[in-house]
Amino acid sequence: MTEMPADIKAYNRKLIEQFRASGGDLGGRQLVLLTTPMMYVRDGERVLVLASNAGAARHPDWYHNLVANPAVTVELGGETYPATAEVLTGEDREQTFARIAERYAFFAEHQTGISREIPVVALVRHG
């Protein structure tokens, strides 16, 4: 696994600054900015984020925030737009997670190491 920076808040502030200054182009890194930078996955027209929390036993704080208030502003590729966070369920979640895990094996590793189900969240653009 990738080693986490000692001061994650300082790291994220710098990453957000770089993200905004570059119009979202960070040399091929696929990041979408909600309030915190995170990896995203395109699934057709959908922008998805996974609450893997690097394989931790609990969901990340940002996931709880999205469930409590699903109205979000997405910054992606130099564009900013309103969206709604929708947690995938049932067959859609299972099939989508399986496709993502095929492309990004670390998500499968995260899921194997924990008992909770890693949520997959679609950021559905308004209009």
N, C-alpha and C. Protein backbone atom coordinates (compact mmCIF):
# COMPACT_ATOMS: atom_id res chain seq x y z
N MET A 1 0.83 -1.19 0.00
CA MET A 1 0.00 0.00 0.00
C MET A 1 0.87 1.24 0.00
N THR A 2 0.31 2.32 -0.52
CA THR A 2 1.01 3.60 -0.53
C THR A 2 1.07 4.16 0.87
N GLU A 3 2.24 4.67 1.24
CA GLU A 3 2.39 5.26 2.58
C GLU A 3 1.70 6.62 2.60
N MET A 4 0.93 6.88 3.65
CA MET A 4 0.21 8.13 3.80
C MET A 4 1.15 9.21 4.33
N PRO A 5 0.97 10.45 3.86
CA PRO A 5 1.79 11.55 4.38
C PRO A 5 1.54 11.75 5.88
N ALA A 6 2.54 12.24 6.57
CA ALA A 6 2.43 12.47 8.01
C ALA A 6 1.34 13.50 8.33
N ASP A 7 1.25 14.56 7.55
CA ASP A 7 0.25 15.60 7.76
C ASP A 7 -0.71 15.59 6.57
N ILE A 8 -1.74 14.76 6.63
CA ILE A 8 -2.66 14.58 5.51
C ILE A 8 -3.42 15.85 5.17
N LYS A 9 -3.75 16.66 6.18
CA LYS A 9 -4.49 17.90 5.91
C LYS A 9 -3.63 18.87 5.10
N ALA A 10 -2.37 19.00 5.44
CA ALA A 10 -1.47 19.88 4.68
C ALA A 10 -1.28 19.33 3.27
N TYR A 11 -1.13 18.02 3.16
CA TYR A 11 -0.98 17.38 1.85
C TYR A 11 -2.21 17.67 0.98
N ASN A 12 -3.41 17.51 1.55
CA ASN A 12 -4.64 17.75 0.80
C ASN A 12 -4.79 19.21 0.41
N ARG A 13 -4.43 20.14 1.29
CA ARG A 13 -4.51 21.57 0.93
C ARG A 13 -3.64 21.86 -0.29
N LYS A 14 -2.43 21.32 -0.29
CA LYS A 14 -1.52 21.52 -1.42
C LYS A 14 -2.08 20.87 -2.68
N LEU A 15 -2.62 19.67 -2.55
CA LEU A 15 -3.18 18.97 -3.69
C LEU A 15 -4.38 19.72 -4.28
N ILE A 16 -5.24 20.27 -3.43
CA ILE A 16 -6.38 21.06 -3.90
C ILE A 16 -5.88 22.29 -4.65
N GLU A 17 -4.88 22.96 -4.12
CA GLU A 17 -4.30 24.13 -4.78
C GLU A 17 -3.77 23.75 -6.17
N GLN A 18 -3.04 22.65 -6.26
CA GLN A 18 -2.51 22.18 -7.55
C GLN A 18 -3.63 21.80 -8.50
N PHE A 19 -4.65 21.13 -7.98
CA PHE A 19 -5.80 20.71 -8.78
C PHE A 19 -6.47 21.91 -9.43
N ARG A 20 -6.75 22.92 -8.63
CA ARG A 20 -7.44 24.11 -9.15
C ARG A 20 -6.56 24.91 -10.09
N ALA A 21 -5.28 25.03 -9.78
CA ALA A 21 -4.36 25.80 -10.63
C ALA A 21 -4.18 25.14 -11.99
N SER A 22 -4.27 23.81 -12.04
CA SER A 22 -4.03 23.09 -13.29
C SER A 22 -5.31 22.75 -14.04
N GLY A 23 -6.45 23.23 -13.54
CA GLY A 23 -7.71 22.89 -14.18
C GLY A 23 -8.05 21.42 -14.04
N GLY A 24 -7.55 20.79 -13.01
CA GLY A 24 -7.85 19.38 -12.76
C GLY A 24 -6.90 18.41 -13.42
N ASP A 25 -5.88 18.92 -14.13
CA ASP A 25 -4.92 18.04 -14.81
C ASP A 25 -3.68 17.87 -13.96
N LEU A 26 -3.58 16.73 -13.30
CA LEU A 26 -2.44 16.44 -12.44
C LEU A 26 -1.60 15.31 -13.03
N GLY A 27 -1.30 15.44 -14.31
CA GLY A 27 -0.42 14.49 -14.96
C GLY A 27 -0.98 13.08 -15.02
N GLY A 28 -2.24 12.95 -15.36
CA GLY A 28 -2.83 11.64 -15.52
C GLY A 28 -3.47 11.06 -14.28
N ARG A 29 -3.30 11.70 -13.13
CA ARG A 29 -3.97 11.22 -11.92
C ARG A 29 -5.45 11.53 -12.02
N GLN A 30 -6.29 10.56 -11.82
CA GLN A 30 -7.73 10.74 -11.92
C GLN A 30 -8.29 11.16 -10.57
N LEU A 31 -8.45 12.47 -10.39
CA LEU A 31 -9.00 12.99 -9.15
C LEU A 31 -10.22 13.83 -9.45
N VAL A 32 -11.21 13.72 -8.60
CA VAL A 32 -12.37 14.59 -8.61
C VAL A 32 -12.33 15.29 -7.24
N LEU A 33 -12.65 16.58 -7.23
CA LEU A 33 -12.60 17.34 -5.98
C LEU A 33 -14.01 17.54 -5.46
N LEU A 34 -14.28 16.98 -4.31
CA LEU A 34 -15.54 17.27 -3.62
C LEU A 34 -15.16 18.31 -2.58
N THR A 35 -14.81 17.92 -1.40
CA THR A 35 -14.18 18.82 -0.46
C THR A 35 -12.77 18.33 -0.20
N THR A 36 -12.58 17.11 -0.54
CA THR A 36 -11.27 16.48 -0.38
C THR A 36 -10.91 15.82 -1.70
N PRO A 37 -9.66 15.85 -2.09
CA PRO A 37 -9.31 15.19 -3.37
C PRO A 37 -9.40 13.68 -3.21
N MET A 38 -9.96 13.03 -4.20
CA MET A 38 -10.06 11.58 -4.16
C MET A 38 -10.07 11.02 -5.57
N MET A 39 -9.69 9.77 -5.65
CA MET A 39 -9.71 9.09 -6.93
C MET A 39 -11.15 8.90 -7.38
N TYR A 40 -11.37 9.02 -8.68
CA TYR A 40 -12.68 8.72 -9.23
C TYR A 40 -12.52 7.72 -10.37
N VAL A 41 -13.62 7.12 -10.75
CA VAL A 41 -13.64 6.17 -11.85
C VAL A 41 -14.80 6.55 -12.76
N ARG A 42 -14.53 6.60 -14.04
CA ARG A 42 -15.61 6.82 -15.02
C ARG A 42 -16.26 5.48 -15.32
N ASP A 43 -17.58 5.48 -15.36
CA ASP A 43 -18.35 4.31 -15.73
C ASP A 43 -19.40 4.80 -16.71
N GLY A 44 -19.05 4.80 -17.98
CA GLY A 44 -19.91 5.43 -18.97
C GLY A 44 -19.96 6.92 -18.69
N GLU A 45 -21.15 7.42 -18.50
CA GLU A 45 -21.33 8.85 -18.19
C GLU A 45 -21.20 9.14 -16.70
N ARG A 46 -21.18 8.07 -15.89
CA ARG A 46 -21.15 8.27 -14.44
C ARG A 46 -19.74 8.54 -13.93
N VAL A 47 -19.67 9.40 -12.92
CA VAL A 47 -18.44 9.62 -12.16
C VAL A 47 -18.67 8.94 -10.82
N LEU A 48 -17.77 7.99 -10.49
CA LEU A 48 -17.93 7.19 -9.28
C LEU A 48 -16.77 7.41 -8.33
N VAL A 49 -17.07 7.38 -7.05
CA VAL A 49 -16.04 7.38 -6.01
C VAL A 49 -16.32 6.19 -5.09
N LEU A 50 -15.26 5.60 -4.57
CA LEU A 50 -15.39 4.42 -3.72
C LEU A 50 -14.91 4.75 -2.32
N ALA A 51 -15.72 4.39 -1.34
CA ALA A 51 -15.40 4.68 0.05
C ALA A 51 -14.59 3.54 0.66
N SER A 52 -13.45 3.24 0.04
CA SER A 52 -12.62 2.13 0.52
C SER A 52 -11.84 2.49 1.77
N ASN A 53 -11.53 3.76 1.93
CA ASN A 53 -10.77 4.24 3.08
C ASN A 53 -9.47 3.46 3.24
N ALA A 54 -8.86 3.15 2.08
CA ALA A 54 -7.58 2.42 2.02
C ALA A 54 -7.65 1.09 2.77
N GLY A 55 -8.84 0.47 2.78
CA GLY A 55 -9.00 -0.81 3.44
C GLY A 55 -9.20 -0.75 4.94
N ALA A 56 -9.53 0.42 5.47
CA ALA A 56 -9.78 0.56 6.91
C ALA A 56 -11.11 -0.10 7.28
N ALA A 57 -11.26 -0.42 8.55
CA ALA A 57 -12.44 -1.12 9.04
C ALA A 57 -13.71 -0.26 9.00
N ARG A 58 -13.54 1.07 8.93
CA ARG A 58 -14.71 1.95 8.94
C ARG A 58 -14.77 2.79 7.67
N HIS A 59 -15.97 3.23 7.35
CA HIS A 59 -16.15 4.11 6.19
C HIS A 59 -15.41 5.43 6.44
N PRO A 60 -14.92 6.07 5.38
CA PRO A 60 -14.27 7.37 5.55
C PRO A 60 -15.30 8.44 5.94
N ASP A 61 -14.83 9.48 6.58
CA ASP A 61 -15.73 10.56 7.02
C ASP A 61 -16.48 11.18 5.85
N TRP A 62 -15.81 11.35 4.72
CA TRP A 62 -16.48 11.99 3.58
C TRP A 62 -17.71 11.20 3.14
N TYR A 63 -17.66 9.88 3.27
CA TYR A 63 -18.82 9.06 2.89
C TYR A 63 -20.02 9.38 3.78
N HIS A 64 -19.79 9.46 5.09
CA HIS A 64 -20.87 9.79 6.02
C HIS A 64 -21.44 11.18 5.70
N ASN A 65 -20.56 12.11 5.32
CA ASN A 65 -21.01 13.46 4.96
C ASN A 65 -21.90 13.42 3.72
N LEU A 66 -21.53 12.60 2.72
CA LEU A 66 -22.35 12.51 1.50
C LEU A 66 -23.71 11.87 1.76
N VAL A 67 -23.73 10.88 2.62
CA VAL A 67 -25.01 10.24 2.96
C VAL A 67 -25.91 11.24 3.68
N ALA A 68 -25.34 12.02 4.59
CA ALA A 68 -26.11 13.01 5.34
C ALA A 68 -26.57 14.17 4.47
N ASN A 69 -25.74 14.56 3.50
CA ASN A 69 -26.06 15.68 2.63
C ASN A 69 -25.56 15.37 1.22
N PRO A 70 -26.39 14.73 0.40
CA PRO A 70 -25.93 14.28 -0.92
C PRO A 70 -25.79 15.38 -1.98
N ALA A 71 -26.18 16.61 -1.68
CA ALA A 71 -25.99 17.71 -2.63
C ALA A 71 -24.52 18.13 -2.59
N VAL A 72 -23.82 17.99 -3.72
CA VAL A 72 -22.39 18.28 -3.77
C VAL A 72 -22.07 19.19 -4.95
N THR A 73 -20.90 19.79 -4.88
CA THR A 73 -20.33 20.52 -6.01
C THR A 73 -19.10 19.76 -6.43
N VAL A 74 -19.05 19.37 -7.69
CA VAL A 74 -17.94 18.59 -8.23
C VAL A 74 -17.03 19.50 -9.03
N GLU A 75 -15.73 19.39 -8.81
CA GLU A 75 -14.72 20.05 -9.64
C GLU A 75 -13.96 18.95 -10.35
N LEU A 76 -14.05 18.91 -11.66
CA LEU A 76 -13.45 17.84 -12.43
C LEU A 76 -13.00 18.37 -13.79
N GLY A 77 -11.72 18.20 -14.08
CA GLY A 77 -11.21 18.61 -15.39
C GLY A 77 -11.39 20.09 -15.69
N GLY A 78 -11.26 20.95 -14.70
CA GLY A 78 -11.41 22.38 -14.91
C GLY A 78 -12.85 22.84 -14.95
N GLU A 79 -13.79 21.95 -14.71
CA GLU A 79 -15.21 22.27 -14.73
C GLU A 79 -15.78 22.09 -13.32
N THR A 80 -16.72 22.95 -12.96
CA THR A 80 -17.40 22.86 -11.67
C THR A 80 -18.89 22.75 -11.93
N TYR A 81 -19.54 21.77 -11.27
CA TYR A 81 -20.98 21.61 -11.48
C TYR A 81 -21.65 21.00 -10.26
N PRO A 82 -22.96 21.27 -10.09
CA PRO A 82 -23.70 20.66 -8.98
C PRO A 82 -24.06 19.22 -9.32
N ALA A 83 -24.10 18.38 -8.29
CA ALA A 83 -24.44 16.97 -8.48
C ALA A 83 -25.08 16.45 -7.20
N THR A 84 -25.62 15.25 -7.33
CA THR A 84 -26.18 14.54 -6.18
C THR A 84 -25.42 13.24 -6.02
N ALA A 85 -25.00 12.96 -4.79
CA ALA A 85 -24.29 11.71 -4.50
C ALA A 85 -25.32 10.62 -4.25
N GLU A 86 -25.25 9.55 -5.04
CA GLU A 86 -26.18 8.43 -4.90
C GLU A 86 -25.38 7.16 -4.64
N VAL A 87 -25.62 6.53 -3.50
CA VAL A 87 -24.94 5.29 -3.14
C VAL A 87 -25.56 4.16 -3.96
N LEU A 88 -24.72 3.43 -4.70
CA LEU A 88 -25.22 2.32 -5.49
C LEU A 88 -25.59 1.16 -4.58
N THR A 89 -26.63 0.43 -4.96
CA THR A 89 -27.10 -0.70 -4.16
C THR A 89 -27.35 -1.90 -5.05
N GLY A 90 -27.50 -3.03 -4.40
CA GLY A 90 -27.91 -4.26 -5.08
C GLY A 90 -27.00 -4.67 -6.22
N GLU A 91 -27.63 -5.13 -7.28
CA GLU A 91 -26.91 -5.64 -8.44
C GLU A 91 -26.05 -4.56 -9.10
N ASP A 92 -26.56 -3.34 -9.14
CA ASP A 92 -25.78 -2.24 -9.74
C ASP A 92 -24.47 -2.07 -8.99
N ARG A 93 -24.51 -2.08 -7.65
CA ARG A 93 -23.30 -1.94 -6.85
C ARG A 93 -22.37 -3.12 -7.08
N GLU A 94 -22.91 -4.33 -7.05
CA GLU A 94 -22.09 -5.53 -7.19
C GLU A 94 -21.38 -5.56 -8.55
N GLN A 95 -22.11 -5.34 -9.61
CA GLN A 95 -21.52 -5.39 -10.96
C GLN A 95 -20.53 -4.25 -11.17
N THR A 96 -20.88 -3.07 -10.69
CA THR A 96 -20.00 -1.91 -10.85
C THR A 96 -18.71 -2.11 -10.07
N PHE A 97 -18.82 -2.56 -8.81
CA PHE A 97 -17.61 -2.80 -8.01
C PHE A 97 -16.74 -3.86 -8.68
N ALA A 98 -17.32 -4.92 -9.20
CA ALA A 98 -16.55 -5.99 -9.85
C ALA A 98 -15.78 -5.44 -11.06
N ARG A 99 -16.43 -4.60 -11.88
CA ARG A 99 -15.75 -3.99 -13.04
C ARG A 99 -14.59 -3.11 -12.59
N ILE A 100 -14.83 -2.33 -11.55
CA ILE A 100 -13.78 -1.43 -11.05
C ILE A 100 -12.62 -2.23 -10.47
N ALA A 101 -12.93 -3.27 -9.70
CA ALA A 101 -11.88 -4.10 -9.08
C ALA A 101 -11.04 -4.82 -10.13
N GLU A 102 -11.61 -5.12 -11.29
CA GLU A 102 -10.83 -5.72 -12.38
C GLU A 102 -9.79 -4.73 -12.89
N ARG A 103 -10.15 -3.47 -12.96
CA ARG A 103 -9.23 -2.42 -13.44
C ARG A 103 -8.25 -1.98 -12.37
N TYR A 104 -8.72 -1.91 -11.13
CA TYR A 104 -7.92 -1.41 -10.03
C TYR A 104 -7.92 -2.47 -8.92
N ALA A 105 -6.96 -3.37 -8.98
CA ALA A 105 -6.92 -4.53 -8.09
C ALA A 105 -6.86 -4.14 -6.61
N PHE A 106 -6.33 -2.96 -6.30
CA PHE A 106 -6.22 -2.58 -4.89
C PHE A 106 -7.59 -2.44 -4.24
N PHE A 107 -8.64 -2.13 -5.01
CA PHE A 107 -9.97 -2.07 -4.42
C PHE A 107 -10.42 -3.47 -3.99
N ALA A 108 -10.12 -4.48 -4.79
CA ALA A 108 -10.44 -5.86 -4.41
C ALA A 108 -9.65 -6.25 -3.15
N GLU A 109 -8.39 -5.83 -3.08
CA GLU A 109 -7.57 -6.11 -1.90
C GLU A 109 -8.16 -5.44 -0.66
N HIS A 110 -8.59 -4.19 -0.82
CA HIS A 110 -9.21 -3.48 0.30
C HIS A 110 -10.44 -4.24 0.78
N GLN A 111 -11.30 -4.68 -0.18
CA GLN A 111 -12.54 -5.37 0.19
C GLN A 111 -12.27 -6.70 0.87
N THR A 112 -11.27 -7.41 0.40
CA THR A 112 -10.93 -8.72 0.97
C THR A 112 -10.47 -8.60 2.42
N GLY A 113 -9.83 -7.50 2.76
CA GLY A 113 -9.27 -7.34 4.09
C GLY A 113 -10.21 -6.80 5.14
N ILE A 114 -11.48 -6.53 4.78
CA ILE A 114 -12.42 -5.93 5.74
C ILE A 114 -13.77 -6.65 5.68
N SER A 115 -14.57 -6.48 6.73
CA SER A 115 -15.89 -7.12 6.75
C SER A 115 -16.99 -6.20 6.20
N ARG A 116 -16.78 -4.89 6.21
CA ARG A 116 -17.81 -3.98 5.69
C ARG A 116 -17.78 -4.01 4.16
N GLU A 117 -18.91 -3.70 3.55
CA GLU A 117 -18.97 -3.59 2.10
C GLU A 117 -18.54 -2.18 1.70
N ILE A 118 -17.58 -2.09 0.78
CA ILE A 118 -17.11 -0.78 0.33
C ILE A 118 -18.19 -0.12 -0.51
N PRO A 119 -18.68 1.04 -0.08
CA PRO A 119 -19.70 1.74 -0.86
C PRO A 119 -19.13 2.31 -2.16
N VAL A 120 -19.98 2.26 -3.20
CA VAL A 120 -19.67 2.90 -4.47
C VAL A 120 -20.72 4.01 -4.61
N VAL A 121 -20.24 5.23 -4.87
CA VAL A 121 -21.10 6.40 -4.92
C VAL A 121 -21.02 7.05 -6.29
N ALA A 122 -22.18 7.23 -6.92
CA ALA A 122 -22.25 7.94 -8.20
C ALA A 122 -22.50 9.42 -7.91
N LEU A 123 -21.74 10.28 -8.60
CA LEU A 123 -21.95 11.73 -8.49
C LEU A 123 -22.75 12.14 -9.72
N VAL A 124 -24.07 12.24 -9.56
CA VAL A 124 -24.99 12.46 -10.66
C VAL A 124 -25.14 13.96 -10.92
N ARG A 125 -24.71 14.35 -12.10
CA ARG A 125 -24.73 15.75 -12.51
C ARG A 125 -26.16 16.25 -12.68
N HIS A 126 -26.40 17.47 -12.23
CA HIS A 126 -27.72 18.10 -12.42
C HIS A 126 -27.80 18.66 -13.83
N GLY A 127 -28.95 18.49 -14.42
CA GLY A 127 -29.21 19.09 -15.74
C GLY A 127 -28.42 18.47 -16.78
